[in-house]
N, C-alpha and C. Protein backbone atom coordinates (compact mmCIF):
# COMPACT_ATOMS: atom_id res chain seq x y z
N MET A 1 17.09 36.60 20.22
CA MET A 1 16.87 36.83 18.97
C MET A 1 16.60 35.74 17.99
N PRO A 2 15.52 35.23 17.76
CA PRO A 2 15.15 34.12 16.84
C PRO A 2 15.95 34.47 15.87
N THR A 3 16.12 33.20 15.63
CA THR A 3 17.21 32.77 14.10
C THR A 3 16.16 32.57 12.94
N ALA A 4 16.43 33.38 11.78
CA ALA A 4 15.88 33.27 10.24
C ALA A 4 16.18 32.25 9.74
N TYR A 5 15.46 31.50 9.58
CA TYR A 5 15.77 30.14 8.32
C TYR A 5 15.70 30.52 7.26
N ARG A 6 16.40 30.28 6.29
CA ARG A 6 16.56 30.84 5.07
C ARG A 6 15.37 29.41 4.41
N LYS A 7 14.45 30.34 2.98
CA LYS A 7 13.54 29.60 2.44
C LYS A 7 14.13 28.22 1.65
N SER A 8 15.49 28.48 1.15
CA SER A 8 15.64 27.34 0.41
C SER A 8 16.39 26.26 1.33
N SER A 9 16.62 26.49 2.85
CA SER A 9 17.14 25.41 3.13
C SER A 9 16.29 24.58 4.00
N VAL A 10 14.94 25.41 4.10
CA VAL A 10 13.92 24.57 4.49
C VAL A 10 13.09 23.56 3.50
N VAL A 11 13.55 23.85 2.33
CA VAL A 11 12.81 23.30 1.23
C VAL A 11 13.63 22.02 1.04
N ALA A 12 15.20 22.42 0.83
CA ALA A 12 15.92 21.54 0.86
C ALA A 12 15.67 20.38 1.59
N ILE A 13 15.84 20.44 2.98
CA ILE A 13 15.37 19.72 4.05
C ILE A 13 14.12 18.81 4.14
N LEU A 14 12.98 19.41 3.42
CA LEU A 14 11.69 18.86 3.10
C LEU A 14 11.94 17.89 2.42
N LEU A 15 12.72 18.33 1.28
CA LEU A 15 12.97 17.47 0.05
C LEU A 15 13.25 16.34 0.20
N VAL A 16 14.54 16.18 0.95
CA VAL A 16 15.41 14.81 1.36
C VAL A 16 14.71 14.49 2.34
N ALA A 17 13.77 14.85 3.38
CA ALA A 17 12.88 14.02 4.29
C ALA A 17 11.90 13.00 3.42
N PHE A 18 11.29 14.06 2.53
CA PHE A 18 10.25 13.14 1.41
C PHE A 18 10.98 11.95 0.52
N ALA A 19 12.10 12.48 0.13
CA ALA A 19 12.78 11.38 -0.93
C ALA A 19 13.16 10.15 0.10
N LEU A 20 13.59 10.17 1.50
CA LEU A 20 13.83 9.04 2.22
C LEU A 20 12.58 8.37 2.67
N ILE A 21 11.43 9.13 2.75
CA ILE A 21 10.39 8.59 3.21
C ILE A 21 9.50 7.78 2.29
N LEU A 22 9.88 8.28 0.64
CA LEU A 22 9.30 7.44 -0.36
C LEU A 22 10.43 6.55 -0.50
N ALA A 23 11.47 6.44 -0.52
CA ALA A 23 12.28 5.48 -0.51
C ALA A 23 12.31 4.20 0.43
N ASP A 24 11.84 4.45 1.65
CA ASP A 24 11.19 3.11 2.43
C ASP A 24 10.16 2.81 2.46
N HIS A 25 9.10 3.70 1.59
CA HIS A 25 7.67 3.20 1.76
C HIS A 25 7.77 2.45 -0.10
N LEU A 26 8.48 2.85 -0.90
CA LEU A 26 8.70 1.76 -2.06
C LEU A 26 9.28 0.64 -2.06
N GLY A 27 10.27 0.38 -0.82
CA GLY A 27 10.69 -0.40 -0.41
C GLY A 27 10.64 -1.83 0.40
N SER A 28 9.80 -0.90 1.15
CA SER A 28 8.35 -1.69 2.06
C SER A 28 7.73 -3.03 1.48
N PRO A 29 7.58 -4.25 2.52
CA PRO A 29 7.24 -5.58 1.74
C PRO A 29 5.50 -4.80 1.85
N THR A 30 5.35 -4.36 2.50
CA THR A 30 3.80 -4.03 2.77
C THR A 30 3.25 -3.18 1.00
N PHE A 31 4.42 -2.36 0.86
CA PHE A 31 3.79 -1.86 -0.50
C PHE A 31 4.28 -3.11 -1.83
N ALA A 32 5.08 -3.78 -1.61
CA ALA A 32 5.14 -4.96 -2.53
C ALA A 32 3.73 -5.97 -2.59
N PHE A 33 3.23 -6.29 -1.46
CA PHE A 33 2.24 -7.12 -1.36
C PHE A 33 1.11 -6.16 -1.93
N ASN A 34 1.11 -5.35 -1.50
CA ASN A 34 -0.15 -4.28 -1.90
C ASN A 34 -0.20 -4.08 -3.36
N MET A 35 0.76 -4.31 -4.20
CA MET A 35 0.98 -4.45 -5.46
C MET A 35 1.18 -5.56 -6.18
N GLY A 36 0.93 -6.27 -5.68
CA GLY A 36 0.73 -7.81 -5.99
C GLY A 36 2.13 -8.66 -5.94
N ASP A 37 3.01 -7.95 -5.62
CA ASP A 37 4.49 -8.49 -6.01
C ASP A 37 5.08 -9.30 -4.51
N GLY A 38 4.08 -9.65 -3.89
CA GLY A 38 4.40 -10.01 -2.05
C GLY A 38 4.40 -11.61 -2.11
N ASN A 39 4.13 -12.22 -3.37
CA ASN A 39 4.79 -13.55 -3.19
C ASN A 39 3.99 -14.83 -2.48
N VAL A 40 2.60 -14.14 -2.07
CA VAL A 40 1.51 -14.93 -1.73
C VAL A 40 0.35 -14.32 -2.40
N GLN A 41 -1.04 -15.27 -1.82
CA GLN A 41 -1.73 -15.24 -2.82
C GLN A 41 -3.12 -14.28 -1.92
N THR A 42 -3.64 -13.29 -2.54
CA THR A 42 -4.60 -12.47 -2.23
C THR A 42 -5.72 -13.14 -1.81
N THR A 43 -6.38 -12.09 -1.64
CA THR A 43 -8.21 -12.88 -1.16
C THR A 43 -8.67 -12.86 -2.63
N LEU A 44 -8.49 -11.91 -3.34
CA LEU A 44 -8.88 -11.90 -5.14
C LEU A 44 -8.17 -12.93 -6.08
N MET A 45 -7.19 -13.48 -5.56
CA MET A 45 -6.88 -14.65 -6.30
C MET A 45 -7.23 -15.92 -5.79
N GLN A 46 -7.95 -15.95 -4.40
CA GLN A 46 -8.80 -17.07 -3.87
C GLN A 46 -9.81 -17.35 -4.19
N ARG A 47 -10.65 -16.66 -4.96
CA ARG A 47 -11.99 -16.61 -5.05
C ARG A 47 -12.51 -17.61 -5.83
N ASP A 48 -13.46 -18.32 -5.18
CA ASP A 48 -13.96 -19.21 -5.73
C ASP A 48 -14.81 -18.91 -7.16
N SER A 49 -14.56 -19.86 -8.47
CA SER A 49 -15.16 -19.46 -9.82
C SER A 49 -16.76 -19.92 -9.47
N THR A 50 -17.08 -20.44 -8.62
CA THR A 50 -18.62 -20.97 -8.73
C THR A 50 -19.32 -20.24 -7.31
N ALA A 51 -18.92 -19.06 -7.12
CA ALA A 51 -19.80 -18.20 -6.04
C ALA A 51 -20.55 -17.55 -7.05
N CYS A 52 -21.42 -17.04 -6.32
CA CYS A 52 -22.60 -16.33 -6.78
C CYS A 52 -22.15 -14.64 -6.78
N ALA A 53 -21.42 -14.37 -5.48
CA ALA A 53 -21.07 -13.04 -5.58
C ALA A 53 -19.69 -12.45 -5.76
N PRO A 54 -19.13 -11.49 -6.27
CA PRO A 54 -18.38 -10.91 -6.93
C PRO A 54 -17.03 -11.31 -5.90
N CYS A 55 -17.32 -10.96 -4.55
CA CYS A 55 -16.23 -10.86 -3.34
C CYS A 55 -16.07 -12.56 -2.93
N GLY A 56 -17.00 -13.40 -3.55
CA GLY A 56 -16.29 -14.83 -3.54
C GLY A 56 -17.59 -15.38 -2.28
N ALA A 57 -18.30 -14.74 -2.03
CA ALA A 57 -19.33 -15.43 -1.20
C ALA A 57 -19.86 -16.55 -1.76
N PRO A 58 -20.62 -17.83 -1.00
CA PRO A 58 -21.51 -18.82 -1.30
C PRO A 58 -22.44 -18.24 -2.02
N CYS A 59 -23.33 -18.86 -2.70
CA CYS A 59 -24.88 -18.68 -2.92
C CYS A 59 -25.40 -19.13 -1.51
N PRO A 60 -26.49 -18.54 -1.22
CA PRO A 60 -27.13 -18.65 -0.09
C PRO A 60 -27.99 -20.17 0.03
N SER A 61 -28.20 -20.77 -1.09
CA SER A 61 -28.58 -21.97 -1.08
C SER A 61 -27.47 -23.40 -0.69
N THR A 62 -26.52 -22.56 -0.92
CA THR A 62 -25.22 -23.56 -0.41
C THR A 62 -24.59 -23.59 0.94
N ARG A 63 -25.10 -22.56 1.37
CA ARG A 63 -24.56 -22.01 2.54
C ARG A 63 -25.28 -23.07 3.83
N ASP A 64 -24.22 -23.71 4.73
CA ASP A 64 -24.72 -24.86 5.99
C ASP A 64 -25.30 -24.08 7.30
């Protein structure tokens, strides 16, 4: 005979699991890097101010 689970127990376990996953995610180095707090330069920070394209690509006339 299968055991019936109480709805409140299932919800509580899912909330605990969600809280643990969220805490792990927020504390990860990848999340810090993606939020700009990884103490490294990102591609957007390394853009060339003389570039033609917003992505930092060189002008067609200056390509070799």
